[in-house]
Amino acid sequence: MKKAKVYMYDEMAGILTEDENGFHFLYDQSYLKLKEAEPVSLTLPLADKAFESKTMFPFFDGLIPEGWLLDIAQKNWTFYF
């Protein structure tokens, strides 16, 4: 299982998880309680439920660099799982 923390304006908004069933996104309870909380995407509205997809959510997929930018990112990014 792979996990990634998702941040909005320096606040941890939720966790993106990949497992054998696909991808899941769940907002953090503390984030949902914030008065200024905003959805990370219009396709992932603020909710106290897990969003599920067999493939990567299009919003997150669009954030992944490609080509030479991906090469640079892979060499320089540190991921915490």
PDB file of N, CA and C in Angstrom:
ATOM      1  N   MET A   1       0.844  -1.175   0.000  1.00  0.00           N
ATOM      2  CA  MET A   1       0.000   0.000   0.000  1.00  0.00           C
ATOM      3  C   MET A   1       0.892   1.242   0.000  1.00  0.00           C
ATOM      4  N   LYS A   2       0.516   2.203  -0.821  1.00  0.00           N
ATOM      5  CA  LYS A   2       1.233   3.479  -0.890  1.00  0.00           C
ATOM      6  C   LYS A   2       0.312   4.580  -0.380  1.00  0.00           C
ATOM      7  N   LYS A   3       0.904   5.548   0.328  1.00  0.00           N
ATOM      8  CA  LYS A   3       0.136   6.671   0.860  1.00  0.00           C
ATOM      9  C   LYS A   3       0.883   7.969   0.603  1.00  0.00           C
ATOM     10  N   ALA A   4       0.110   9.023   0.367  1.00  0.00           N
ATOM     11  CA  ALA A   4       0.688  10.354   0.194  1.00  0.00           C
ATOM     12  C   ALA A   4      -0.187  11.363   0.935  1.00  0.00           C
ATOM     13  N   LYS A   5       0.463  12.268   1.653  1.00  0.00           N
ATOM     14  CA  LYS A   5      -0.265  13.354   2.306  1.00  0.00           C
ATOM     15  C   LYS A   5      -0.546  14.431   1.268  1.00  0.00           C
ATOM     16  N   VAL A   6      -1.759  14.976   1.305  1.00  0.00           N
ATOM     17  CA  VAL A   6      -2.171  16.027   0.372  1.00  0.00           C
ATOM     18  C   VAL A   6      -2.365  17.311   1.176  1.00  0.00           C
ATOM     19  N   TYR A   7      -1.699  18.376   0.738  1.00  0.00           N
ATOM     20  CA  TYR A   7      -1.745  19.657   1.451  1.00  0.00           C
ATOM     21  C   TYR A   7      -2.462  20.726   0.631  1.00  0.00           C
ATOM     22  N   MET A   8      -3.171  21.598   1.357  1.00  0.00           N
ATOM     23  CA  MET A   8      -3.769  22.806   0.781  1.00  0.00           C
ATOM     24  C   MET A   8      -3.304  23.972   1.641  1.00  0.00           C
ATOM     25  N   TYR A   9      -2.581  24.909   1.045  1.00  0.00           N
ATOM     26  CA  TYR A   9      -2.123  26.097   1.777  1.00  0.00           C
ATOM     27  C   TYR A   9      -1.444  25.723   3.099  1.00  0.00           C
ATOM     28  N   ASP A  10      -0.518  24.816   3.065  1.00  0.00           N
ATOM     29  CA  ASP A  10       0.266  24.385   4.230  1.00  0.00           C
ATOM     30  C   ASP A  10      -0.529  23.618   5.287  1.00  0.00           C
ATOM     31  N   GLU A  11      -1.760  23.266   5.000  1.00  0.00           N
ATOM     32  CA  GLU A  11      -2.568  22.448   5.910  1.00  0.00           C
ATOM     33  C   GLU A  11      -2.730  21.067   5.286  1.00  0.00           C
ATOM     34  N   MET A  12      -2.537  20.013   6.098  1.00  0.00           N
ATOM     35  CA  MET A  12      -2.762  18.680   5.555  1.00  0.00           C
ATOM     36  C   MET A  12      -4.264  18.484   5.341  1.00  0.00           C
ATOM     37  N   ALA A  13      -4.650  18.334   4.081  1.00  0.00           N
ATOM     38  CA  ALA A  13      -6.061  18.218   3.735  1.00  0.00           C
ATOM     39  C   ALA A  13      -6.552  16.781   3.776  1.00  0.00           C
ATOM     40  N   GLY A  14      -5.683  15.830   3.452  1.00  0.00           N
ATOM     41  CA  GLY A  14      -6.128  14.446   3.431  1.00  0.00           C
ATOM     42  C   GLY A  14      -5.026  13.494   3.021  1.00  0.00           C
ATOM     43  N   ILE A  15      -5.423  12.244   2.826  1.00  0.00           N
ATOM     44  CA  ILE A  15      -4.490  11.177   2.461  1.00  0.00           C
ATOM     45  C   ILE A  15      -4.967  10.520   1.168  1.00  0.00           C
ATOM     46  N   LEU A  16      -4.044  10.397   0.228  1.00  0.00           N
ATOM     47  CA  LEU A  16      -4.280   9.664  -1.017  1.00  0.00           C
ATOM     48  C   LEU A  16      -3.610   8.306  -0.855  1.00  0.00           C
ATOM     49  N   THR A  17      -4.371   7.240  -1.070  1.00  0.00           N
ATOM     50  CA  THR A  17      -3.871   5.884  -0.871  1.00  0.00           C
ATOM     51  C   THR A  17      -4.044   5.075  -2.144  1.00  0.00           C
ATOM     52  N   GLU A  18      -3.052   4.234  -2.437  1.00  0.00           N
ATOM     53  CA  GLU A  18      -3.168   3.265  -3.528  1.00  0.00           C
ATOM     54  C   GLU A  18      -3.005   1.879  -2.926  1.00  0.00           C
ATOM     55  N   ASP A  19      -3.948   0.983  -3.236  1.00  0.00           N
ATOM     56  CA  ASP A  19      -3.836  -0.412  -2.827  1.00  0.00           C
ATOM     57  C   ASP A  19      -4.285  -1.304  -3.978  1.00  0.00           C
ATOM     58  N   GLU A  20      -4.449  -2.585  -3.713  1.00  0.00           N
ATOM     59  CA  GLU A  20      -4.803  -3.528  -4.776  1.00  0.00           C
ATOM     60  C   GLU A  20      -6.186  -3.269  -5.378  1.00  0.00           C
ATOM     61  N   ASN A  21      -7.014  -2.463  -4.711  1.00  0.00           N
ATOM     62  CA  ASN A  21      -8.357  -2.146  -5.206  1.00  0.00           C
ATOM     63  C   ASN A  21      -8.425  -0.827  -5.963  1.00  0.00           C
ATOM     64  N   GLY A  22      -7.332  -0.087  -6.002  1.00  0.00           N
ATOM     65  CA  GLY A  22      -7.318   1.188  -6.709  1.00  0.00           C
ATOM     66  C   GLY A  22      -6.850   2.319  -5.816  1.00  0.00           C
ATOM     67  N   PHE A  23      -7.431   3.496  -6.031  1.00  0.00           N
ATOM     68  CA  PHE A  23      -7.029   4.710  -5.328  1.00  0.00           C
ATOM     69  C   PHE A  23      -8.157   5.194  -4.423  1.00  0.00           C
ATOM     70  N   HIS A  24      -7.766   5.786  -3.302  1.00  0.00           N
ATOM     71  CA  HIS A  24      -8.727   6.284  -2.320  1.00  0.00           C
ATOM     72  C   HIS A  24      -8.224   7.635  -1.817  1.00  0.00           C
ATOM     73  N   PHE A  25      -9.145   8.575  -1.658  1.00  0.00           N
ATOM     74  CA  PHE A  25      -8.792   9.858  -1.059  1.00  0.00           C
ATOM     75  C   PHE A  25      -9.752  10.123   0.080  1.00  0.00           C
ATOM     76  N   LEU A  26      -9.193  10.482   1.241  1.00  0.00           N
ATOM     77  CA  LEU A  26      -9.995  10.770   2.425  1.00  0.00           C
ATOM     78  C   LEU A  26      -9.502  12.069   3.049  1.00  0.00           C
ATOM     79  N   TYR A  27     -10.430  13.009   3.235  1.00  0.00           N
ATOM     80  CA  TYR A  27     -10.071  14.261   3.896  1.00  0.00           C
ATOM     81  C   TYR A  27      -9.749  13.999   5.363  1.00  0.00           C
ATOM     82  N   ASP A  28      -8.780  14.735   5.882  1.00  0.00           N
ATOM     83  CA  ASP A  28      -8.410  14.664   7.287  1.00  0.00           C
ATOM     84  C   ASP A  28      -9.507  15.334   8.120  1.00  0.00           C
ATOM     85  N   GLN A  29      -9.859  14.717   9.245  1.00  0.00           N
ATOM     86  CA  GLN A  29     -10.923  15.254  10.099  1.00  0.00           C
ATOM     87  C   GLN A  29     -10.608  16.669  10.587  1.00  0.00           C
ATOM     88  N   SER A  30      -9.362  16.921  10.925  1.00  0.00           N
ATOM     89  CA  SER A  30      -8.974  18.266  11.387  1.00  0.00           C
ATOM     90  C   SER A  30      -9.156  19.299  10.284  1.00  0.00           C
ATOM     91  N   TYR A  31      -8.852  18.911   9.059  1.00  0.00           N
ATOM     92  CA  TYR A  31      -9.005  19.825   7.927  1.00  0.00           C
ATOM     93  C   TYR A  31     -10.484  20.136   7.698  1.00  0.00           C
ATOM     94  N   LEU A  32     -11.328  19.123   7.781  1.00  0.00           N
ATOM     95  CA  LEU A  32     -12.762  19.336   7.560  1.00  0.00           C
ATOM     96  C   LEU A  32     -13.356  20.305   8.578  1.00  0.00           C
ATOM     97  N   LYS A  33     -12.782  20.364   9.764  1.00  0.00           N
ATOM     98  CA  LYS A  33     -13.297  21.240  10.821  1.00  0.00           C
ATOM     99  C   LYS A  33     -12.858  22.694  10.663  1.00  0.00           C
ATOM    100  N   LEU A  34     -11.880  22.949   9.799  1.00  0.00           N
ATOM    101  CA  LEU A  34     -11.407  24.318   9.601  1.00  0.00           C
ATOM    102  C   LEU A  34     -12.475  25.174   8.921  1.00  0.00           C
ATOM    103  N   LYS A  35     -12.668  26.383   9.427  1.00  0.00           N
ATOM    104  CA  LYS A  35     -13.644  27.305   8.836  1.00  0.00           C
ATOM    105  C   LYS A  35     -13.283  27.640   7.388  1.00  0.00           C
ATOM    106  N   GLU A  36     -11.981  27.744   7.108  1.00  0.00           N
ATOM    107  CA  GLU A  36     -11.520  28.132   5.773  1.00  0.00           C
ATOM    108  C   GLU A  36     -11.205  26.937   4.870  1.00  0.00           C
ATOM    109  N   ALA A  37     -11.609  25.734   5.269  1.00  0.00           N
ATOM    110  CA  ALA A  37     -11.325  24.538   4.461  1.00  0.00           C
ATOM    111  C   ALA A  37     -11.946  24.664   3.069  1.00  0.00           C
ATOM    112  N   GLU A  38     -11.161  24.283   2.068  1.00  0.00           N
ATOM    113  CA  GLU A  38     -11.616  24.273   0.677  1.00  0.00           C
ATOM    114  C   GLU A  38     -11.366  22.887   0.109  1.00  0.00           C
ATOM    115  N   PRO A  39     -12.184  22.448  -0.839  1.00  0.00           N
ATOM    116  CA  PRO A  39     -11.905  21.155  -1.476  1.00  0.00           C
ATOM    117  C   PRO A  39     -10.607  21.230  -2.278  1.00  0.00           C
ATOM    118  N   VAL A  40      -9.882  20.124  -2.342  1.00  0.00           N
ATOM    119  CA  VAL A  40      -8.657  20.109  -3.145  1.00  0.00           C
ATOM    120  C   VAL A  40      -8.993  20.175  -4.627  1.00  0.00           C
ATOM    121  N   SER A  41     -10.211  19.778  -4.971  1.00  0.00           N
ATOM    122  CA  SER A  41     -10.683  19.806  -6.359  1.00  0.00           C
ATOM    123  C   SER A  41     -12.202  19.868  -6.347  1.00  0.00           C
ATOM    124  N   LEU A  42     -12.786  20.453  -7.381  1.00  0.00           N
ATOM    125  CA  LEU A  42     -14.251  20.460  -7.481  1.00  0.00           C
ATOM    126  C   LEU A  42     -14.801  19.047  -7.636  1.00  0.00           C
ATOM    127  N   THR A  43     -13.971  18.137  -8.121  1.00  0.00           N
ATOM    128  CA  THR A  43     -14.400  16.740  -8.280  1.00  0.00           C
ATOM    129  C   THR A  43     -14.245  15.943  -6.987  1.00  0.00           C
ATOM    130  N   LEU A  44     -13.645  16.560  -5.961  1.00  0.00           N
ATOM    131  CA  LEU A  44     -13.483  15.932  -4.645  1.00  0.00           C
ATOM    132  C   LEU A  44     -14.007  16.900  -3.585  1.00  0.00           C
ATOM    133  N   PRO A  45     -15.338  17.102  -3.537  1.00  0.00           N
ATOM    134  CA  PRO A  45     -15.900  18.077  -2.603  1.00  0.00           C
ATOM    135  C   PRO A  45     -15.637  17.679  -1.149  1.00  0.00           C
ATOM    136  N   LEU A  46     -15.629  18.673  -0.270  1.00  0.00           N
ATOM    137  CA  LEU A  46     -15.431  18.390   1.146  1.00  0.00           C
ATOM    138  C   LEU A  46     -16.490  17.406   1.621  1.00  0.00           C
ATOM    139  N   ALA A  47     -16.049  16.294   2.188  1.00  0.00           N
ATOM    140  CA  ALA A  47     -16.973  15.269   2.671  1.00  0.00           C
ATOM    141  C   ALA A  47     -16.252  14.362   3.654  1.00  0.00           C
ATOM    142  N   ASP A  48     -17.016  13.827   4.571  1.00  0.00           N
ATOM    143  CA  ASP A  48     -16.481  12.899   5.565  1.00  0.00           C
ATOM    144  C   ASP A  48     -16.675  11.468   5.063  1.00  0.00           C
ATOM    145  N   LYS A  49     -16.139  11.207   3.877  1.00  0.00           N
ATOM    146  CA  LYS A  49     -16.227   9.875   3.270  1.00  0.00           C
ATOM    147  C   LYS A  49     -15.034   9.685   2.354  1.00  0.00           C
ATOM    148  N   ALA A  50     -14.719   8.446   2.078  1.00  0.00           N
ATOM    149  CA  ALA A  50     -13.605   8.147   1.172  1.00  0.00           C
ATOM    150  C   ALA A  50     -14.093   8.198  -0.271  1.00  0.00           C
ATOM    151  N   PHE A  51     -13.319   8.829  -1.129  1.00  0.00           N
ATOM    152  CA  PHE A  51     -13.565   8.810  -2.564  1.00  0.00           C
ATOM    153  C   PHE A  51     -12.740   7.659  -3.125  1.00  0.00           C
ATOM    154  N   GLU A  52     -13.313   6.884  -4.044  1.00  0.00           N
ATOM    155  CA  GLU A  52     -12.624   5.710  -4.570  1.00  0.00           C
ATOM    156  C   GLU A  52     -12.626   5.718  -6.084  1.00  0.00           C
ATOM    157  N   SER A  53     -11.542   5.192  -6.665  1.00  0.00           N
ATOM    158  CA  SER A  53     -11.409   5.114  -8.119  1.00  0.00           C
ATOM    159  C   SER A  53     -10.464   3.969  -8.472  1.00  0.00           C
ATOM    160  N   LYS A  54     -10.761   3.273  -9.552  1.00  0.00           N
ATOM    161  CA  LYS A  54      -9.873   2.197 -10.027  1.00  0.00           C
ATOM    162  C   LYS A  54      -8.585   2.772 -10.611  1.00  0.00           C
ATOM    163  N   THR A  55      -8.657   4.005 -11.116  1.00  0.00           N
ATOM    164  CA  THR A  55      -7.480   4.669 -11.680  1.00  0.00           C
ATOM    165  C   THR A  55      -7.200   5.937 -10.871  1.00  0.00           C
ATOM    166  N   MET A  56      -6.029   6.508 -11.078  1.00  0.00           N
ATOM    167  CA  MET A  56      -5.664   7.738 -10.364  1.00  0.00           C
ATOM    168  C   MET A  56      -6.708   8.819 -10.648  1.00  0.00           C
ATOM    169  N   PHE A  57      -7.130   9.528  -9.617  1.00  0.00           N
ATOM    170  CA  PHE A  57      -8.083  10.620  -9.790  1.00  0.00           C
ATOM    171  C   PHE A  57      -7.505  11.620 -10.793  1.00  0.00           C
ATOM    172  N   PRO A  58      -8.297  12.055 -11.783  1.00  0.00           N
ATOM    173  CA  PRO A  58      -7.772  12.968 -12.812  1.00  0.00           C
ATOM    174  C   PRO A  58      -7.096  14.210 -12.236  1.00  0.00           C
ATOM    175  N   PHE A  59      -7.634  14.764 -11.147  1.00  0.00           N
ATOM    176  CA  PHE A  59      -7.024  15.957 -10.552  1.00  0.00           C
ATOM    177  C   PHE A  59      -5.576  15.689 -10.154  1.00  0.00           C
ATOM    178  N   PHE A  60      -5.331  14.599  -9.440  1.00  0.00           N
ATOM    179  CA  PHE A  60      -3.973  14.273  -8.996  1.00  0.00           C
ATOM    180  C   PHE A  60      -3.096  13.859 -10.166  1.00  0.00           C
ATOM    181  N   ASP A  61      -3.664  13.144 -11.115  1.00  0.00           N
ATOM    182  CA  ASP A  61      -2.901  12.707 -12.289  1.00  0.00           C
ATOM    183  C   ASP A  61      -2.364  13.911 -13.063  1.00  0.00           C
ATOM    184  N   GLY A  62      -3.155  14.976 -13.110  1.00  0.00           N
ATOM    185  CA  GLY A  62      -2.734  16.182 -13.822  1.00  0.00           C
ATOM    186  C   GLY A  62      -1.593  16.927 -13.142  1.00  0.00           C
ATOM    187  N   LEU A  63      -1.324  16.612 -11.879  1.00  0.00           N
ATOM    188  CA  LEU A  63      -0.246  17.273 -11.144  1.00  0.00           C
ATOM    189  C   LEU A  63       1.098  16.573 -11.316  1.00  0.00           C
ATOM    190  N   ILE A  64       1.089  15.360 -11.854  1.00  0.00           N
ATOM    191  CA  ILE A  64       2.320  14.582 -11.995  1.00  0.00           C
ATOM    192  C   ILE A  64       3.104  15.084 -13.202  1.00  0.00           C
ATOM    193  N   PRO A  65       4.370  15.451 -13.005  1.00  0.00           N
ATOM    194  CA  PRO A  65       5.176  15.917 -14.141  1.00  0.00           C
ATOM    195  C   PRO A  65       5.456  14.791 -15.127  1.00  0.00           C
ATOM    196  N   GLU A  66       5.789  15.165 -16.350  1.00  0.00           N
ATOM    197  CA  GLU A  66       6.091  14.194 -17.408  1.00  0.00           C
ATOM    198  C   GLU A  66       7.444  14.518 -18.028  1.00  0.00           C
ATOM    199  N   GLY A  67       7.978  13.550 -18.751  1.00  0.00           N
ATOM    200  CA  GLY A  67       9.207  13.756 -19.514  1.00  0.00           C
ATOM    201  C   GLY A  67      10.382  14.149 -18.649  1.00  0.00           C
ATOM    202  N   TRP A  68      11.130  15.161 -19.105  1.00  0.00           N
ATOM    203  CA  TRP A  68      12.337  15.572 -18.387  1.00  0.00           C
ATOM    204  C   TRP A  68      12.023  16.138 -17.013  1.00  0.00           C
ATOM    205  N   LEU A  69      10.836  16.734 -16.835  1.00  0.00           N
ATOM    206  CA  LEU A  69      10.464  17.222 -15.507  1.00  0.00           C
ATOM    207  C   LEU A  69      10.278  16.065 -14.530  1.00  0.00           C
ATOM    208  N   LEU A  70       9.731  14.948 -15.023  1.00  0.00           N
ATOM    209  CA  LEU A  70       9.583  13.766 -14.182  1.00  0.00           C
ATOM    210  C   LEU A  70      10.951  13.234 -13.769  1.00  0.00           C
ATOM    211  N   ASP A  71      11.900  13.226 -14.690  1.00  0.00           N
ATOM    212  CA  ASP A  71      13.260  12.776 -14.367  1.00  0.00           C
ATOM    213  C   ASP A  71      13.856  13.615 -13.236  1.00  0.00           C
ATOM    214  N   ILE A  72      13.689  14.924 -13.326  1.00  0.00           N
ATOM    215  CA  ILE A  72      14.209  15.823 -12.284  1.00  0.00           C
ATOM    216  C   ILE A  72      13.491  15.567 -10.959  1.00  0.00           C
ATOM    217  N   ALA A  73      12.169  15.434 -11.019  1.00  0.00           N
ATOM    218  CA  ALA A  73      11.389  15.206  -9.803  1.00  0.00           C
ATOM    219  C   ALA A  73      11.803  13.908  -9.115  1.00  0.00           C
ATOM    220  N   GLN A  74      11.992  12.851  -9.886  1.00  0.00           N
ATOM    221  CA  GLN A  74      12.369  11.565  -9.300  1.00  0.00           C
ATOM    222  C   GLN A  74      13.724  11.632  -8.612  1.00  0.00           C
ATOM    223  N   LYS A  75      14.606  12.455  -9.110  1.00  0.00           N
ATOM    224  CA  LYS A  75      15.940  12.581  -8.514  1.00  0.00           C
ATOM    225  C   LYS A  75      15.943  13.470  -7.274  1.00  0.00           C
ATOM    226  N   ASN A  76      14.997  14.402  -7.186  1.00  0.00           N
ATOM    227  CA  ASN A  76      15.057  15.414  -6.138  1.00  0.00           C
ATOM    228  C   ASN A  76      13.962  15.359  -5.082  1.00  0.00           C
ATOM    229  N   TRP A  77      12.841  14.741  -5.376  1.00  0.00           N
ATOM    230  CA  TRP A  77      11.743  14.717  -4.416  1.00  0.00           C
ATOM    231  C   TRP A  77      11.970  13.633  -3.381  1.00  0.00           C
ATOM    232  N   THR A  78      11.545  13.916  -2.175  1.00  0.00           N
ATOM    233  CA  THR A  78      11.554  12.918  -1.112  1.00  0.00           C
ATOM    234  C   THR A  78      10.104  12.678  -0.715  1.00  0.00           C
ATOM    235  N   PHE A  79       9.706  11.424  -0.734  1.00  0.00           N
ATOM    236  CA  PHE A  79       8.334  11.070  -0.375  1.00  0.00           C
ATOM    237  C   PHE A  79       8.327  10.363   0.974  1.00  0.00           C
ATOM    238  N   TYR A  80       7.346  10.663   1.775  1.00  0.00           N
ATOM    239  CA  TYR A  80       7.168  10.018   3.081  1.00  0.00           C
ATOM    240  C   TYR A  80       5.898   9.187   3.013  1.00  0.00           C
ATOM    241  N   PHE A  81       6.053   7.911   3.199  1.00  0.00           N
ATOM    242  CA  PHE A  81       4.899   6.999   3.153  1.00  0.00           C
ATOM    243  C   PHE A  81       4.695   6.368   4.500  1.00  0.00           C
TER     244      PHE A  81
END
